[in-house]
Amino acid sequence: MALTWNETDFLGYLQVEPEIGEYETEYRYEVTQLPLRLLLSVFHLAGDVYISVYCDPLESAVIDVAIRDCPGARVVNDKRGNYIELAAANVFGTRYDGESMIPYGVRSFVRPHIRVELFRA
């Protein structure tokens, strides 16, 4: 299942150019706010999203999340702040429209600092 997302919104929010994989099947974003580093990989055709957070000087990730068959992602700006919201698999009965509220999944923040949280609306 392909992921519904807006790569321009991701670019505007993360403020880093993605490394784009062969045939444009992967978008890999890296945001660094020492001592933390966020890696966000989007495989939009497969619908898979990977989030890893590293903390210097550790070599392995302190947070490592794989969202398989993610139906949709959106950039949100509300009372909680500005963040990327990623839907968990099998949330919607039909294809995600890119605008609707996501009832549960993962939120990824980079402002004011890197933070990843699971949520349920």
C-alpha atoms as a PDB file:
ATOM      1  CA  MET A   1       0.000   0.000   0.000  1.00  0.00           C
ATOM      2  CA  ALA A   2       1.443   3.378  -0.995  1.00  0.00           C
ATOM      3  CA  LEU A   3       1.838   6.071   1.639  1.00  0.00           C
ATOM      4  CA  THR A   4      -0.208   9.260   1.265  1.00  0.00           C
ATOM      5  CA  TRP A   5       2.067  12.173   2.193  1.00  0.00           C
ATOM      6  CA  ASN A   6       3.268  15.563   0.996  1.00  0.00           C
ATOM      7  CA  GLU A   7       7.034  15.573   0.529  1.00  0.00           C
ATOM      8  CA  THR A   8       7.033  19.387   0.251  1.00  0.00           C
ATOM      9  CA  ASP A   9       5.472  19.649   3.732  1.00  0.00           C
ATOM     10  CA  PHE A  10       8.139  17.295   5.123  1.00  0.00           C
ATOM     11  CA  LEU A  11      10.899  19.384   3.528  1.00  0.00           C
ATOM     12  CA  GLY A  12       9.410  22.594   4.962  1.00  0.00           C
ATOM     13  CA  TYR A  13       9.037  21.138   8.438  1.00  0.00           C
ATOM     14  CA  LEU A  14      12.323  19.231   8.728  1.00  0.00           C
ATOM     15  CA  GLN A  15      14.314  21.954   6.930  1.00  0.00           C
ATOM     16  CA  VAL A  16      16.822  19.465   5.532  1.00  0.00           C
ATOM     17  CA  GLU A  17      17.120  18.142   1.995  1.00  0.00           C
ATOM     18  CA  PRO A  18      16.397  14.431   1.887  1.00  0.00           C
ATOM     19  CA  GLU A  19      18.779  11.908   0.442  1.00  0.00           C
ATOM     20  CA  ILE A  20      16.677  10.375  -2.316  1.00  0.00           C
ATOM     21  CA  GLY A  21      17.202   6.700  -3.120  1.00  0.00           C
ATOM     22  CA  GLU A  22      17.430   5.058  -6.484  1.00  0.00           C
ATOM     23  CA  TYR A  23      14.250   5.399  -8.557  1.00  0.00           C
ATOM     24  CA  GLU A  24      12.914   7.832  -5.923  1.00  0.00           C
ATOM     25  CA  THR A  25      11.632   4.982  -3.761  1.00  0.00           C
ATOM     26  CA  GLU A  26      13.238   6.232  -0.522  1.00  0.00           C
ATOM     27  CA  TYR A  27      13.463   9.671   1.065  1.00  0.00           C
ATOM     28  CA  ARG A  28      15.942   9.769   3.940  1.00  0.00           C
ATOM     29  CA  TYR A  29      15.983  12.802   6.229  1.00  0.00           C
ATOM     30  CA  GLU A  30      18.626  13.423   8.885  1.00  0.00           C
ATOM     31  CA  VAL A  31      18.113  16.138  11.520  1.00  0.00           C
ATOM     32  CA  THR A  32      20.870  16.800  14.052  1.00  0.00           C
ATOM     33  CA  GLN A  33      20.404  18.669  17.332  1.00  0.00           C
ATOM     34  CA  LEU A  34      23.366  17.640  19.444  1.00  0.00           C
ATOM     35  CA  PRO A  35      23.507  15.305  21.230  1.00  0.00           C
ATOM     36  CA  LEU A  36      20.508  13.868  19.300  1.00  0.00           C
ATOM     37  CA  ARG A  37      20.197  12.844  15.669  1.00  0.00           C
ATOM     38  CA  LEU A  38      16.895  11.862  14.020  1.00  0.00           C
ATOM     39  CA  LEU A  39      16.842   9.612  10.942  1.00  0.00           C
ATOM     40  CA  LEU A  40      13.491   9.454   9.166  1.00  0.00           C
ATOM     41  CA  SER A  41      13.282   7.133   6.158  1.00  0.00           C
ATOM     42  CA  VAL A  42      10.168   7.115   3.995  1.00  0.00           C
ATOM     43  CA  PHE A  43       9.546   4.335   1.496  1.00  0.00           C
ATOM     44  CA  HIS A  44       6.374   5.873   0.103  1.00  0.00           C
ATOM     45  CA  LEU A  45       5.615   3.230  -2.548  1.00  0.00           C
ATOM     46  CA  ALA A  46       5.803   0.391  -0.015  1.00  0.00           C
ATOM     47  CA  GLY A  47       4.147   2.470   2.710  1.00  0.00           C
ATOM     48  CA  ASP A  48       6.979   1.895   5.188  1.00  0.00           C
ATOM     49  CA  VAL A  49       8.452   4.540   7.485  1.00  0.00           C
ATOM     50  CA  TYR A  50      11.441   4.113   9.796  1.00  0.00           C
ATOM     51  CA  ILE A  51      12.326   6.476  12.649  1.00  0.00           C
ATOM     52  CA  SER A  52      15.596   6.197  14.550  1.00  0.00           C
ATOM     53  CA  VAL A  53      16.950   8.542  17.211  1.00  0.00           C
ATOM     54  CA  TYR A  54      20.618   8.418  18.162  1.00  0.00           C
ATOM     55  CA  CYS A  55      22.289  10.082  21.135  1.00  0.00           C
ATOM     56  CA  ASP A  56      26.017  10.853  20.952  1.00  0.00           C
ATOM     57  CA  PRO A  57      28.280   9.118  21.853  1.00  0.00           C
ATOM     58  CA  LEU A  58      26.156   5.921  21.650  1.00  0.00           C
ATOM     59  CA  GLU A  59      26.466   3.990  18.391  1.00  0.00           C
ATOM     60  CA  SER A  60      23.095   2.222  18.508  1.00  0.00           C
ATOM     61  CA  ALA A  61      19.707   3.939  18.334  1.00  0.00           C
ATOM     62  CA  VAL A  62      17.943   4.851  21.587  1.00  0.00           C
ATOM     63  CA  ILE A  63      14.632   4.810  19.699  1.00  0.00           C
ATOM     64  CA  ASP A  64      14.059   2.614  16.659  1.00  0.00           C
ATOM     65  CA  VAL A  65      10.540   2.433  15.193  1.00  0.00           C
ATOM     66  CA  ALA A  66       9.342   0.731  12.004  1.00  0.00           C
ATOM     67  CA  ILE A  67       5.852   1.529  10.750  1.00  0.00           C
ATOM     68  CA  ARG A  68       4.920  -1.006   8.079  1.00  0.00           C
ATOM     69  CA  ASP A  69       2.007  -0.360   5.708  1.00  0.00           C
ATOM     70  CA  CYS A  70       1.655   3.216   6.985  1.00  0.00           C
ATOM     71  CA  PRO A  71      -1.395   4.584   5.144  1.00  0.00           C
ATOM     72  CA  GLY A  72      -0.646   8.262   5.675  1.00  0.00           C
ATOM     73  CA  ALA A  73       1.532  10.970   7.131  1.00  0.00           C
ATOM     74  CA  ARG A  74       0.980  14.673   7.573  1.00  0.00           C
ATOM     75  CA  VAL A  75       2.641  17.734   9.065  1.00  0.00           C
ATOM     76  CA  VAL A  76       0.497  19.191  11.859  1.00  0.00           C
ATOM     77  CA  ASN A  77       0.617  22.525  13.671  1.00  0.00           C
ATOM     78  CA  ASP A  78      -1.688  22.627  16.712  1.00  0.00           C
ATOM     79  CA  LYS A  79      -1.645  23.314  20.457  1.00  0.00           C
ATOM     80  CA  ARG A  80       0.942  20.527  20.953  1.00  0.00           C
ATOM     81  CA  GLY A  81       3.301  22.237  18.517  1.00  0.00           C
ATOM     82  CA  ASN A  82       4.482  21.476  15.005  1.00  0.00           C
ATOM     83  CA  TYR A  83       5.205  17.822  14.174  1.00  0.00           C
ATOM     84  CA  ILE A  84       4.913  14.959  11.713  1.00  0.00           C
ATOM     85  CA  GLU A  85       2.090  12.538  12.406  1.00  0.00           C
ATOM     86  CA  LEU A  86       2.328   8.990  11.029  1.00  0.00           C
ATOM     87  CA  ALA A  87      -0.634   6.621  11.008  1.00  0.00           C
ATOM     88  CA  ALA A  88      -0.332   3.066  12.248  1.00  0.00           C
ATOM     89  CA  ALA A  89      -1.258   0.286   9.810  1.00  0.00           C
ATOM     90  CA  ASN A  90      -4.925  -0.619   9.284  1.00  0.00           C
ATOM     91  CA  VAL A  91      -6.245   2.647  10.748  1.00  0.00           C
ATOM     92  CA  PHE A  92      -8.501   3.572   7.839  1.00  0.00           C
ATOM     93  CA  GLY A  93     -11.025   1.398   6.045  1.00  0.00           C
ATOM     94  CA  THR A  94     -10.169   3.125   2.771  1.00  0.00           C
ATOM     95  CA  ARG A  95      -7.257   5.105   1.366  1.00  0.00           C
ATOM     96  CA  TYR A  96      -6.095   8.002   3.566  1.00  0.00           C
ATOM     97  CA  ASP A  97      -7.035  11.424   2.145  1.00  0.00           C
ATOM     98  CA  GLY A  98      -4.021  13.309   3.538  1.00  0.00           C
ATOM     99  CA  GLU A  99      -6.169  15.736   5.559  1.00  0.00           C
ATOM    100  CA  SER A 100      -8.188  13.743   8.080  1.00  0.00           C
ATOM    101  CA  MET A 101      -7.188  13.360  11.720  1.00  0.00           C
ATOM    102  CA  ILE A 102      -5.071  10.281  12.343  1.00  0.00           C
ATOM    103  CA  PRO A 103      -6.573   8.377  15.307  1.00  0.00           C
ATOM    104  CA  TYR A 104      -3.363   6.650  16.460  1.00  0.00           C
ATOM    105  CA  GLY A 105       0.234   6.267  15.437  1.00  0.00           C
ATOM    106  CA  VAL A 106       3.557   8.032  15.956  1.00  0.00           C
ATOM    107  CA  ARG A 107       4.396  11.732  16.244  1.00  0.00           C
ATOM    108  CA  SER A 108       7.871  13.021  15.469  1.00  0.00           C
ATOM    109  CA  PHE A 109       8.938  16.479  16.653  1.00  0.00           C
ATOM    110  CA  VAL A 110      12.103  18.426  15.782  1.00  0.00           C
ATOM    111  CA  ARG A 111      11.121  21.749  17.406  1.00  0.00           C
ATOM    112  CA  PRO A 112      11.974  22.857  20.008  1.00  0.00           C
ATOM    113  CA  HIS A 113      13.871  19.563  20.283  1.00  0.00           C
ATOM    114  CA  ILE A 114      13.837  16.051  18.833  1.00  0.00           C
ATOM    115  CA  ARG A 115      11.096  13.923  20.363  1.00  0.00           C
ATOM    116  CA  VAL A 116       9.152  10.829  19.277  1.00  0.00           C
ATOM    117  CA  GLU A 117       5.894   9.751  20.911  1.00  0.00           C
ATOM    118  CA  LEU A 118       3.177   7.167  20.392  1.00  0.00           C
ATOM    119  CA  PHE A 119      -0.347   8.585  20.496  1.00  0.00           C
ATOM    120  CA  ARG A 120      -4.021   7.777  20.469  1.00  0.00           C
ATOM    121  CA  ALA A 121      -6.467  10.610  19.781  1.00  0.00           C
END
